N, C-alpha and C. Protein backbone atom coordinates (compact mmCIF):
# COMPACT_ATOMS: atom_id res chain seq x y z
N MET A 1 96.73 66.92 105.72
CA MET A 1 97.11 68.33 105.75
C MET A 1 98.55 68.53 105.26
N ALA A 2 99.43 67.59 105.63
CA ALA A 2 100.83 67.70 105.21
C ALA A 2 100.94 67.63 103.70
N ALA A 3 100.06 66.87 103.04
CA ALA A 3 100.10 66.75 101.58
C ALA A 3 99.77 68.08 100.92
N ILE A 4 98.95 68.87 101.58
CA ILE A 4 98.60 70.20 101.06
C ILE A 4 99.74 71.18 101.30
N LEU A 5 100.23 71.22 102.53
CA LEU A 5 101.21 72.24 102.92
C LEU A 5 102.62 71.95 102.44
N SER A 6 102.92 70.71 102.08
CA SER A 6 104.27 70.39 101.61
C SER A 6 104.44 70.66 100.12
N ASN A 7 103.36 71.03 99.45
CA ASN A 7 103.41 71.32 98.01
C ASN A 7 102.81 72.69 97.79
N LEU A 8 103.59 73.62 97.21
CA LEU A 8 103.12 75.00 97.05
C LEU A 8 101.87 75.07 96.19
N ARG A 9 101.85 74.32 95.09
CA ARG A 9 100.67 74.35 94.22
C ARG A 9 99.42 73.94 94.99
N ASN A 10 99.52 72.87 95.77
CA ASN A 10 98.39 72.42 96.56
C ASN A 10 97.98 73.44 97.61
N THR A 11 98.97 74.11 98.19
CA THR A 11 98.68 75.14 99.19
C THR A 11 97.89 76.29 98.57
N VAL A 12 98.33 76.74 97.39
CA VAL A 12 97.64 77.84 96.71
C VAL A 12 96.23 77.42 96.31
N ILE A 13 96.11 76.23 95.76
CA ILE A 13 94.78 75.73 95.38
C ILE A 13 93.86 75.68 96.60
N ALA A 14 94.40 75.20 97.71
CA ALA A 14 93.60 75.13 98.94
C ALA A 14 93.15 76.52 99.38
N GLY A 15 94.03 77.50 99.24
CA GLY A 15 93.67 78.87 99.59
C GLY A 15 92.51 79.37 98.76
N PHE A 16 92.53 79.09 97.46
CA PHE A 16 91.43 79.51 96.58
C PHE A 16 90.15 78.72 96.88
N VAL A 17 90.30 77.46 97.27
CA VAL A 17 89.12 76.67 97.65
C VAL A 17 88.44 77.28 98.88
N VAL A 18 89.24 77.68 99.88
CA VAL A 18 88.68 78.32 101.06
C VAL A 18 87.99 79.64 100.67
N ALA A 19 88.61 80.40 99.76
CA ALA A 19 87.98 81.63 99.28
C ALA A 19 86.65 81.32 98.59
N LEU A 20 86.61 80.23 97.81
CA LEU A 20 85.37 79.81 97.14
C LEU A 20 84.29 79.45 98.16
N VAL A 21 84.69 78.82 99.25
CA VAL A 21 83.73 78.52 100.33
C VAL A 21 83.12 79.81 100.86
N LEU A 22 83.95 80.85 100.99
CA LEU A 22 83.44 82.15 101.45
C LEU A 22 82.46 82.74 100.45
N VAL A 23 82.72 82.54 99.16
CA VAL A 23 81.78 83.00 98.13
C VAL A 23 80.45 82.27 98.27
N ILE A 24 80.51 80.97 98.53
CA ILE A 24 79.29 80.18 98.70
C ILE A 24 78.51 80.67 99.92
N ILE A 25 79.22 80.93 101.02
CA ILE A 25 78.57 81.46 102.22
C ILE A 25 77.91 82.80 101.91
N TYR A 26 78.62 83.64 101.18
CA TYR A 26 78.09 84.95 100.77
C TYR A 26 76.80 84.77 99.97
N THR A 27 76.78 83.78 99.07
CA THR A 27 75.61 83.54 98.23
C THR A 27 74.44 83.02 99.07
N VAL A 28 74.73 82.08 99.94
CA VAL A 28 73.68 81.50 100.80
C VAL A 28 73.05 82.58 101.68
N MET A 29 73.84 83.55 102.07
CA MET A 29 73.33 84.63 102.94
C MET A 29 72.64 85.73 102.14
N GLY A 30 72.40 85.47 100.86
CA GLY A 30 71.63 86.42 100.05
C GLY A 30 72.45 87.41 99.26
N GLY A 31 73.76 87.21 99.19
CA GLY A 31 74.60 88.12 98.41
C GLY A 31 74.34 88.00 96.92
N SER A 32 74.45 89.09 96.22
CA SER A 32 74.22 89.09 94.77
C SER A 32 75.54 89.27 94.03
N PHE A 33 75.49 89.05 92.72
CA PHE A 33 76.68 89.18 91.89
C PHE A 33 76.53 90.33 90.90
N GLY A 34 76.11 91.46 91.44
CA GLY A 34 75.94 92.65 90.62
C GLY A 34 77.24 93.42 90.49
N ALA A 35 77.12 94.69 90.14
CA ALA A 35 78.28 95.54 89.89
C ALA A 35 79.17 95.66 91.11
N ALA A 36 78.54 95.78 92.30
CA ALA A 36 79.33 95.94 93.53
C ALA A 36 80.20 94.72 93.79
N TYR A 37 79.66 93.53 93.50
CA TYR A 37 80.44 92.31 93.72
C TYR A 37 81.66 92.28 92.81
N TRP A 38 81.48 92.59 91.52
CA TRP A 38 82.60 92.52 90.59
C TRP A 38 83.65 93.60 90.87
N SER A 39 83.18 94.73 91.38
CA SER A 39 84.12 95.76 91.82
C SER A 39 84.96 95.24 92.97
N PHE A 40 84.30 94.58 93.95
CA PHE A 40 85.04 93.95 95.05
C PHE A 40 86.00 92.88 94.53
N PHE A 41 85.52 92.02 93.62
CA PHE A 41 86.31 90.90 93.14
C PHE A 41 87.61 91.38 92.50
N PHE A 42 87.53 92.42 91.66
CA PHE A 42 88.76 92.92 91.03
C PHE A 42 89.62 93.70 92.01
N ARG A 43 89.02 94.27 93.05
CA ARG A 43 89.83 94.90 94.10
C ARG A 43 90.63 93.82 94.84
N TRP A 44 89.98 92.69 95.10
CA TRP A 44 90.65 91.56 95.76
C TRP A 44 91.81 91.06 94.90
N LEU A 45 91.56 90.86 93.59
CA LEU A 45 92.63 90.43 92.70
C LEU A 45 93.75 91.47 92.65
N HIS A 46 93.37 92.74 92.67
CA HIS A 46 94.34 93.84 92.65
C HIS A 46 95.23 93.78 93.89
N VAL A 47 94.62 93.55 95.05
CA VAL A 47 95.39 93.47 96.30
C VAL A 47 96.28 92.23 96.30
N LEU A 48 95.75 91.07 95.87
CA LEU A 48 96.56 89.86 95.78
C LEU A 48 97.79 90.08 94.90
N SER A 49 97.55 90.68 93.74
CA SER A 49 98.65 90.93 92.80
C SER A 49 99.66 91.90 93.40
N GLY A 50 99.15 92.94 94.05
CA GLY A 50 100.03 93.94 94.65
C GLY A 50 100.88 93.37 95.77
N VAL A 51 100.30 92.45 96.55
CA VAL A 51 101.08 91.80 97.62
C VAL A 51 102.23 91.01 97.02
N MET A 52 101.95 90.28 95.93
CA MET A 52 103.00 89.52 95.25
C MET A 52 104.10 90.46 94.74
N TRP A 53 103.69 91.53 94.06
CA TRP A 53 104.64 92.45 93.44
C TRP A 53 105.48 93.19 94.49
N ILE A 54 104.81 93.90 95.38
CA ILE A 54 105.54 94.72 96.35
C ILE A 54 106.28 93.84 97.35
N GLY A 55 105.70 92.69 97.67
CA GLY A 55 106.40 91.75 98.56
C GLY A 55 107.74 91.34 97.99
N LEU A 56 107.77 91.02 96.69
CA LEU A 56 109.03 90.62 96.06
C LEU A 56 109.96 91.82 95.88
N LEU A 57 109.40 92.99 95.57
CA LEU A 57 110.21 94.20 95.49
C LEU A 57 110.94 94.44 96.80
N TRP A 58 110.22 94.32 97.90
CA TRP A 58 110.83 94.54 99.21
C TRP A 58 111.76 93.40 99.58
N TYR A 59 111.46 92.17 99.16
CA TYR A 59 112.41 91.07 99.39
C TYR A 59 113.74 91.38 98.72
N PHE A 60 113.70 91.81 97.45
CA PHE A 60 114.94 92.12 96.75
C PHE A 60 115.71 93.23 97.47
N ASN A 61 115.01 94.28 97.89
CA ASN A 61 115.68 95.46 98.43
C ASN A 61 116.02 95.38 99.91
N PHE A 62 115.22 94.65 100.68
CA PHE A 62 115.49 94.56 102.11
C PHE A 62 116.28 93.31 102.48
N VAL A 63 116.27 92.29 101.60
CA VAL A 63 116.93 91.03 101.94
C VAL A 63 118.04 90.67 100.96
N GLN A 64 117.68 90.46 99.68
CA GLN A 64 118.66 89.89 98.75
C GLN A 64 119.82 90.84 98.44
N ILE A 65 119.53 92.06 98.04
CA ILE A 65 120.60 92.99 97.65
C ILE A 65 121.53 93.30 98.82
N PRO A 66 121.00 93.62 100.03
CA PRO A 66 121.92 93.90 101.14
C PRO A 66 122.73 92.69 101.60
N THR A 67 122.19 91.48 101.37
CA THR A 67 122.86 90.28 101.85
C THR A 67 123.92 89.76 100.89
N MET A 68 123.80 90.09 99.60
CA MET A 68 124.71 89.54 98.59
C MET A 68 126.19 89.75 98.91
N PRO A 69 126.61 90.93 99.38
CA PRO A 69 128.05 91.11 99.65
C PRO A 69 128.60 90.16 100.71
N SER A 70 127.76 89.69 101.62
CA SER A 70 128.25 88.81 102.68
C SER A 70 128.19 87.33 102.31
N ILE A 71 127.64 87.02 101.13
CA ILE A 71 127.55 85.62 100.70
C ILE A 71 128.87 85.22 100.04
N PRO A 72 129.44 84.09 100.42
CA PRO A 72 130.70 83.65 99.80
C PRO A 72 130.56 83.54 98.27
N ASP A 73 131.61 83.91 97.55
CA ASP A 73 131.56 83.95 96.09
C ASP A 73 131.12 82.63 95.47
N GLU A 74 131.54 81.51 96.07
CA GLU A 74 131.20 80.22 95.49
C GLU A 74 129.71 79.88 95.64
N GLN A 75 129.01 80.60 96.53
CA GLN A 75 127.58 80.34 96.72
C GLN A 75 126.69 81.28 95.92
N LYS A 76 127.24 82.39 95.46
CA LYS A 76 126.44 83.39 94.75
C LYS A 76 125.79 82.87 93.47
N PRO A 77 126.46 82.00 92.70
CA PRO A 77 125.82 81.52 91.47
C PRO A 77 124.48 80.82 91.71
N ALA A 78 124.32 80.18 92.87
CA ALA A 78 123.05 79.50 93.17
C ALA A 78 121.90 80.51 93.22
N ILE A 79 122.17 81.68 93.76
CA ILE A 79 121.14 82.71 93.84
C ILE A 79 120.85 83.26 92.45
N GLY A 80 121.91 83.58 91.70
CA GLY A 80 121.75 84.16 90.37
C GLY A 80 121.13 83.22 89.35
N LYS A 81 121.39 81.93 89.49
CA LYS A 81 120.90 80.97 88.49
C LYS A 81 119.59 80.30 88.88
N HIS A 82 119.27 80.25 90.17
CA HIS A 82 118.09 79.49 90.59
C HIS A 82 117.04 80.35 91.30
N ILE A 83 117.44 81.13 92.29
CA ILE A 83 116.46 81.89 93.07
C ILE A 83 116.00 83.16 92.35
N ALA A 84 116.95 83.97 91.91
CA ALA A 84 116.61 85.27 91.31
C ALA A 84 115.73 85.14 90.06
N PRO A 85 116.02 84.24 89.11
CA PRO A 85 115.15 84.14 87.93
C PRO A 85 113.71 83.78 88.28
N LYS A 86 113.51 82.88 89.25
CA LYS A 86 112.15 82.51 89.67
C LYS A 86 111.46 83.72 90.32
N ALA A 87 112.20 84.39 91.21
CA ALA A 87 111.63 85.56 91.88
C ALA A 87 111.28 86.65 90.87
N LEU A 88 112.15 86.84 89.87
CA LEU A 88 111.89 87.87 88.85
C LEU A 88 110.68 87.53 87.99
N PHE A 89 110.43 86.24 87.77
CA PHE A 89 109.24 85.83 87.01
C PHE A 89 107.98 86.30 87.74
N TRP A 90 107.85 85.95 89.01
CA TRP A 90 106.66 86.34 89.77
C TRP A 90 106.63 87.85 90.01
N PHE A 91 107.80 88.45 90.11
CA PHE A 91 107.90 89.90 90.31
C PHE A 91 107.31 90.66 89.14
N ARG A 92 107.73 90.32 87.94
CA ARG A 92 107.26 91.10 86.78
C ARG A 92 105.80 90.79 86.44
N TRP A 93 105.37 89.54 86.61
CA TRP A 93 103.97 89.22 86.32
C TRP A 93 103.05 89.71 87.44
N GLY A 94 103.57 89.82 88.66
CA GLY A 94 102.81 90.47 89.73
C GLY A 94 102.57 91.94 89.39
N ALA A 95 103.60 92.58 88.84
CA ALA A 95 103.47 93.98 88.42
C ALA A 95 102.42 94.12 87.32
N MET A 96 102.47 93.24 86.33
CA MET A 96 101.52 93.30 85.22
C MET A 96 100.10 93.09 85.71
N SER A 97 99.91 92.09 86.57
CA SER A 97 98.58 91.80 87.08
C SER A 97 98.05 92.93 87.96
N THR A 98 98.93 93.55 88.74
CA THR A 98 98.51 94.67 89.59
C THR A 98 98.00 95.83 88.75
N ILE A 99 98.74 96.18 87.71
CA ILE A 99 98.32 97.28 86.84
C ILE A 99 97.03 96.94 86.11
N ALA A 100 96.95 95.74 85.54
CA ALA A 100 95.76 95.34 84.77
C ALA A 100 94.51 95.34 85.65
N THR A 101 94.59 94.72 86.83
CA THR A 101 93.41 94.67 87.69
C THR A 101 93.07 96.05 88.25
N GLY A 102 94.07 96.89 88.45
CA GLY A 102 93.81 98.25 88.92
C GLY A 102 93.06 99.07 87.88
N LEU A 103 93.46 98.95 86.62
CA LEU A 103 92.76 99.67 85.54
C LEU A 103 91.34 99.14 85.36
N ILE A 104 91.18 97.82 85.43
CA ILE A 104 89.84 97.22 85.32
C ILE A 104 88.96 97.71 86.48
N LEU A 105 89.52 97.72 87.68
CA LEU A 105 88.77 98.17 88.85
C LEU A 105 88.32 99.63 88.69
N ALA A 106 89.22 100.48 88.23
CA ALA A 106 88.87 101.89 88.03
C ALA A 106 87.78 102.03 86.97
N ALA A 107 87.86 101.21 85.92
CA ALA A 107 86.83 101.26 84.87
C ALA A 107 85.49 100.78 85.41
N LEU A 108 85.49 99.69 86.18
CA LEU A 108 84.24 99.15 86.75
C LEU A 108 83.59 100.16 87.70
N ASN A 109 84.42 100.91 88.42
CA ASN A 109 83.89 101.90 89.36
C ASN A 109 83.53 103.22 88.69
N GLY A 110 83.82 103.32 87.39
CA GLY A 110 83.41 104.50 86.64
C GLY A 110 84.26 105.73 86.84
N TYR A 111 85.50 105.56 87.33
CA TYR A 111 86.33 106.75 87.54
C TYR A 111 87.71 106.64 86.89
N ILE A 112 87.84 105.83 85.87
CA ILE A 112 89.17 105.65 85.27
C ILE A 112 89.71 106.94 84.68
N MET A 113 88.87 107.70 83.98
CA MET A 113 89.35 108.95 83.39
C MET A 113 89.66 109.98 84.47
N GLN A 114 88.84 109.99 85.53
CA GLN A 114 89.08 110.95 86.61
C GLN A 114 90.42 110.70 87.29
N VAL A 115 90.75 109.42 87.53
CA VAL A 115 92.01 109.17 88.23
C VAL A 115 93.21 109.33 87.30
N LEU A 116 93.05 108.95 86.03
CA LEU A 116 94.17 109.12 85.10
C LEU A 116 94.49 110.59 84.86
N THR A 117 93.48 111.46 85.00
CA THR A 117 93.71 112.90 84.83
C THR A 117 93.86 113.60 86.18
N LEU A 118 94.03 112.79 87.25
CA LEU A 118 94.27 113.31 88.61
C LEU A 118 93.13 114.20 89.11
N GLY A 119 91.92 113.96 88.63
CA GLY A 119 90.76 114.70 89.09
C GLY A 119 90.69 116.13 88.60
N VAL A 120 91.54 116.47 87.62
CA VAL A 120 91.60 117.86 87.13
C VAL A 120 90.26 118.30 86.55
N PHE A 121 89.59 117.42 85.83
CA PHE A 121 88.33 117.78 85.18
C PHE A 121 87.12 117.29 85.96
N ASP A 122 87.32 117.04 87.23
CA ASP A 122 86.28 116.46 88.07
C ASP A 122 85.70 117.53 88.97
N SER A 123 84.39 117.49 89.17
CA SER A 123 83.75 118.45 90.06
C SER A 123 83.26 117.80 91.34
N PHE A 124 83.54 116.49 91.49
CA PHE A 124 83.05 115.76 92.68
C PHE A 124 84.15 114.83 93.18
N ALA A 125 84.31 114.75 94.48
CA ALA A 125 85.28 113.85 95.10
C ALA A 125 86.68 114.04 94.51
N VAL A 126 87.06 115.30 94.32
CA VAL A 126 88.35 115.60 93.70
C VAL A 126 89.51 115.00 94.48
N ARG A 127 89.47 115.12 95.81
CA ARG A 127 90.57 114.63 96.63
C ARG A 127 90.76 113.12 96.45
N THR A 128 89.64 112.38 96.44
CA THR A 128 89.71 110.93 96.27
C THR A 128 90.32 110.58 94.92
N HIS A 129 89.83 111.22 93.87
CA HIS A 129 90.35 110.91 92.54
C HIS A 129 91.79 111.36 92.38
N LEU A 130 92.14 112.47 93.01
CA LEU A 130 93.53 112.93 92.96
C LEU A 130 94.45 111.90 93.60
N MET A 131 94.09 111.44 94.80
CA MET A 131 94.95 110.49 95.51
C MET A 131 95.03 109.15 94.78
N LEU A 132 93.89 108.66 94.29
CA LEU A 132 93.90 107.43 93.51
C LEU A 132 94.75 107.60 92.26
N GLY A 133 94.63 108.76 91.63
CA GLY A 133 95.39 109.03 90.41
C GLY A 133 96.89 109.08 90.67
N VAL A 134 97.27 109.73 91.76
CA VAL A 134 98.69 109.78 92.12
C VAL A 134 99.20 108.36 92.35
N GLY A 135 98.44 107.57 93.12
CA GLY A 135 98.83 106.19 93.37
C GLY A 135 98.92 105.38 92.09
N MET A 136 97.94 105.59 91.19
CA MET A 136 97.93 104.85 89.94
C MET A 136 99.13 105.22 89.07
N TRP A 137 99.42 106.51 88.97
CA TRP A 137 100.56 106.92 88.14
C TRP A 137 101.89 106.46 88.72
N PHE A 138 102.03 106.49 90.04
CA PHE A 138 103.23 105.91 90.65
C PHE A 138 103.33 104.43 90.28
N GLY A 139 102.20 103.73 90.35
CA GLY A 139 102.18 102.31 89.99
C GLY A 139 102.54 102.07 88.54
N ILE A 140 102.06 102.93 87.66
CA ILE A 140 102.36 102.79 86.23
C ILE A 140 103.86 103.02 85.98
N VAL A 141 104.42 104.02 86.63
CA VAL A 141 105.87 104.28 86.51
C VAL A 141 106.65 103.07 87.02
N MET A 142 106.23 102.54 88.14
CA MET A 142 106.91 101.37 88.71
C MET A 142 106.79 100.16 87.79
N TRP A 143 105.60 99.96 87.22
CA TRP A 143 105.39 98.86 86.26
C TRP A 143 106.32 99.02 85.06
N PHE A 144 106.42 100.25 84.53
CA PHE A 144 107.31 100.52 83.39
C PHE A 144 108.75 100.19 83.77
N ASN A 145 109.16 100.61 84.95
CA ASN A 145 110.53 100.33 85.40
C ASN A 145 110.79 98.82 85.45
N VAL A 146 109.81 98.07 85.95
CA VAL A 146 109.98 96.62 86.05
C VAL A 146 110.18 95.99 84.68
N TRP A 147 109.27 96.28 83.76
CA TRP A 147 109.26 95.58 82.47
C TRP A 147 110.31 96.08 81.48
N PHE A 148 110.62 97.37 81.53
CA PHE A 148 111.46 97.93 80.48
C PHE A 148 112.85 98.37 80.94
N ILE A 149 113.10 98.33 82.25
CA ILE A 149 114.43 98.69 82.73
C ILE A 149 115.01 97.59 83.64
N ILE A 150 114.28 97.24 84.70
CA ILE A 150 114.81 96.26 85.66
C ILE A 150 114.95 94.88 85.01
N TRP A 151 113.89 94.38 84.39
CA TRP A 151 113.93 93.03 83.81
C TRP A 151 114.98 92.90 82.71
N PRO A 152 115.03 93.80 81.71
CA PRO A 152 116.07 93.65 80.68
C PRO A 152 117.49 93.69 81.25
N ASN A 153 117.70 94.54 82.25
CA ASN A 153 119.04 94.62 82.83
C ASN A 153 119.37 93.42 83.71
N GLN A 154 118.37 92.86 84.37
CA GLN A 154 118.60 91.64 85.14
C GLN A 154 118.90 90.46 84.21
N GLN A 155 118.25 90.44 83.04
CA GLN A 155 118.57 89.40 82.07
C GLN A 155 120.04 89.44 81.67
N LYS A 156 120.55 90.67 81.52
CA LYS A 156 121.98 90.82 81.19
C LYS A 156 122.86 90.47 82.38
N ALA A 157 122.52 91.01 83.54
CA ALA A 157 123.37 90.83 84.72
C ALA A 157 123.47 89.36 85.13
N LEU A 158 122.38 88.63 84.98
CA LEU A 158 122.36 87.22 85.40
C LEU A 158 122.47 86.26 84.23
N ASN A 159 122.51 86.82 83.01
CA ASN A 159 122.54 86.01 81.79
C ASN A 159 121.45 84.93 81.83
N ILE A 160 120.22 85.38 82.11
CA ILE A 160 119.09 84.46 82.24
C ILE A 160 118.80 83.79 80.91
N ASP A 161 118.61 82.47 80.95
CA ASP A 161 118.36 81.65 79.76
C ASP A 161 119.50 81.74 78.75
N ASN A 162 120.68 82.10 79.25
CA ASN A 162 121.88 82.21 78.40
C ASN A 162 121.63 83.14 77.21
N LYS A 163 120.86 84.21 77.46
CA LYS A 163 120.50 85.15 76.40
C LYS A 163 121.69 86.02 75.99
N TYR A 164 122.63 86.22 76.91
CA TYR A 164 123.80 87.05 76.63
C TYR A 164 125.07 86.25 76.96
N PRO A 165 125.37 85.22 76.19
CA PRO A 165 126.51 84.35 76.53
C PRO A 165 127.87 85.05 76.45
N ASP A 166 127.98 86.10 75.64
CA ASP A 166 129.27 86.76 75.45
C ASP A 166 129.38 88.09 76.20
N ILE A 167 128.45 88.36 77.10
CA ILE A 167 128.48 89.63 77.81
C ILE A 167 129.69 89.69 78.72
N SER A 168 130.33 90.86 78.76
CA SER A 168 131.53 91.02 79.58
C SER A 168 131.16 91.22 81.04
N ALA A 169 132.12 91.00 81.92
CA ALA A 169 131.90 91.20 83.35
C ALA A 169 131.57 92.65 83.65
N GLU A 170 132.19 93.56 82.89
CA GLU A 170 131.93 94.99 83.09
C GLU A 170 130.49 95.33 82.72
N ASP A 171 130.02 94.80 81.58
CA ASP A 171 128.65 95.08 81.15
C ASP A 171 127.64 94.44 82.11
N LYS A 172 127.97 93.27 82.65
CA LYS A 172 127.10 92.64 83.65
C LYS A 172 126.98 93.53 84.88
N ALA A 173 128.11 94.05 85.34
CA ALA A 173 128.11 94.90 86.52
C ALA A 173 127.31 96.18 86.28
N THR A 174 127.46 96.76 85.08
CA THR A 174 126.71 97.98 84.73
C THR A 174 125.22 97.70 84.72
N ALA A 175 124.82 96.57 84.11
CA ALA A 175 123.41 96.20 84.06
C ALA A 175 122.85 95.93 85.46
N ALA A 176 123.64 95.26 86.29
CA ALA A 176 123.19 94.95 87.65
C ALA A 176 122.97 96.24 88.45
N ARG A 177 123.90 97.20 88.29
CA ARG A 177 123.76 98.47 89.02
C ARG A 177 122.53 99.24 88.54
N LYS A 178 122.29 99.25 87.24
CA LYS A 178 121.12 99.96 86.71
C LYS A 178 119.84 99.32 87.22
N ALA A 179 119.78 97.98 87.21
CA ALA A 179 118.60 97.28 87.71
C ALA A 179 118.39 97.60 89.19
N MET A 180 119.48 97.63 89.95
CA MET A 180 119.39 97.91 91.38
C MET A 180 118.87 99.32 91.64
N LEU A 181 119.39 100.30 90.89
CA LEU A 181 118.98 101.69 91.11
C LEU A 181 117.50 101.90 90.78
N PHE A 182 117.02 101.25 89.74
CA PHE A 182 115.60 101.39 89.40
C PHE A 182 114.72 100.58 90.35
N SER A 183 115.26 99.48 90.89
CA SER A 183 114.54 98.74 91.91
C SER A 183 114.43 99.58 93.18
N ARG A 184 115.48 100.30 93.50
CA ARG A 184 115.45 101.21 94.64
C ARG A 184 114.47 102.36 94.39
N THR A 185 114.42 102.82 93.13
CA THR A 185 113.45 103.86 92.77
C THR A 185 112.04 103.36 93.04
N ASN A 186 111.76 102.11 92.64
CA ASN A 186 110.44 101.55 92.88
C ASN A 186 110.15 101.37 94.36
N THR A 187 111.17 101.03 95.14
CA THR A 187 110.99 100.92 96.59
C THR A 187 110.61 102.28 97.17
N LEU A 188 111.30 103.33 96.73
CA LEU A 188 110.97 104.69 97.16
C LEU A 188 109.53 105.03 96.79
N LEU A 189 109.14 104.77 95.53
CA LEU A 189 107.80 105.13 95.07
C LEU A 189 106.71 104.28 95.72
N SER A 190 107.06 103.07 96.14
CA SER A 190 106.04 102.19 96.71
C SER A 190 105.45 102.77 98.00
N ILE A 191 106.23 103.53 98.73
CA ILE A 191 105.76 104.06 100.01
C ILE A 191 104.69 105.14 99.81
N PRO A 192 104.95 106.20 99.01
CA PRO A 192 103.87 107.17 98.76
C PRO A 192 102.74 106.58 97.92
N MET A 193 103.06 105.60 97.04
CA MET A 193 101.99 104.97 96.24
C MET A 193 100.98 104.29 97.16
N LEU A 194 101.46 103.52 98.14
CA LEU A 194 100.56 102.86 99.07
C LEU A 194 99.82 103.86 99.94
N PHE A 195 100.49 104.93 100.33
CA PHE A 195 99.82 105.99 101.10
C PHE A 195 98.66 106.58 100.31
N ALA A 196 98.92 106.89 99.03
CA ALA A 196 97.89 107.50 98.19
C ALA A 196 96.72 106.55 98.00
N MET A 197 96.99 105.28 97.71
CA MET A 197 95.92 104.32 97.48
C MET A 197 95.07 104.11 98.72
N VAL A 198 95.72 103.92 99.86
CA VAL A 198 94.97 103.65 101.09
C VAL A 198 94.24 104.89 101.58
N SER A 199 94.88 106.05 101.48
CA SER A 199 94.23 107.28 101.96
C SER A 199 93.00 107.61 101.14
N ALA A 200 93.02 107.29 99.85
CA ALA A 200 91.87 107.58 99.00
C ALA A 200 90.64 106.79 99.46
N GLN A 201 90.87 105.65 100.08
CA GLN A 201 89.76 104.81 100.53
C GLN A 201 89.32 105.14 101.96
N ASN A 202 90.16 105.88 102.70
CA ASN A 202 89.90 105.99 104.14
C ASN A 202 89.85 107.41 104.69
N ILE A 203 90.47 108.39 104.05
CA ILE A 203 90.46 109.74 104.62
C ILE A 203 90.06 110.78 103.57
């Protein structure tokens, strides 16, 4: 067991193996792999991706950013050069996977146009499509912020992969502040986004 838990890759593989066992149990009990199953499967992937994305968003905003001022200056480079770039990798790809699986899920369920248009042209289940649409559009805005504002500015602020070797301290500070403000914007949007998504399924 220690060999599994002491290595992250092995831990993740083991998690998927246990999930596969559940699929086998589902099959043995007479479960089918029709449209309903694939809708569930992409919802599961959507939730997994969302946990990765929003979890890291909240880590940055609830832990890393507030803690940075209290970290001694000589220790800060370790975070900027080693921890933050890794976290940003999973952060941005978690965002991409969340959006992609969400769009696929909406298409599989046959309501992608209804949610993208906020149920305006819908004559059935308007409230559900409206709430899903609001959640989806908040998610799309957040995804855009990650890929086109937060990530480029973090690359400058942290000089990731030495992409900006001649960047000035002032420009780094400006980029860091812009990335922080849009990260805070995403934190703000994440709360009503999750409300809209969950309420559409439950109320």
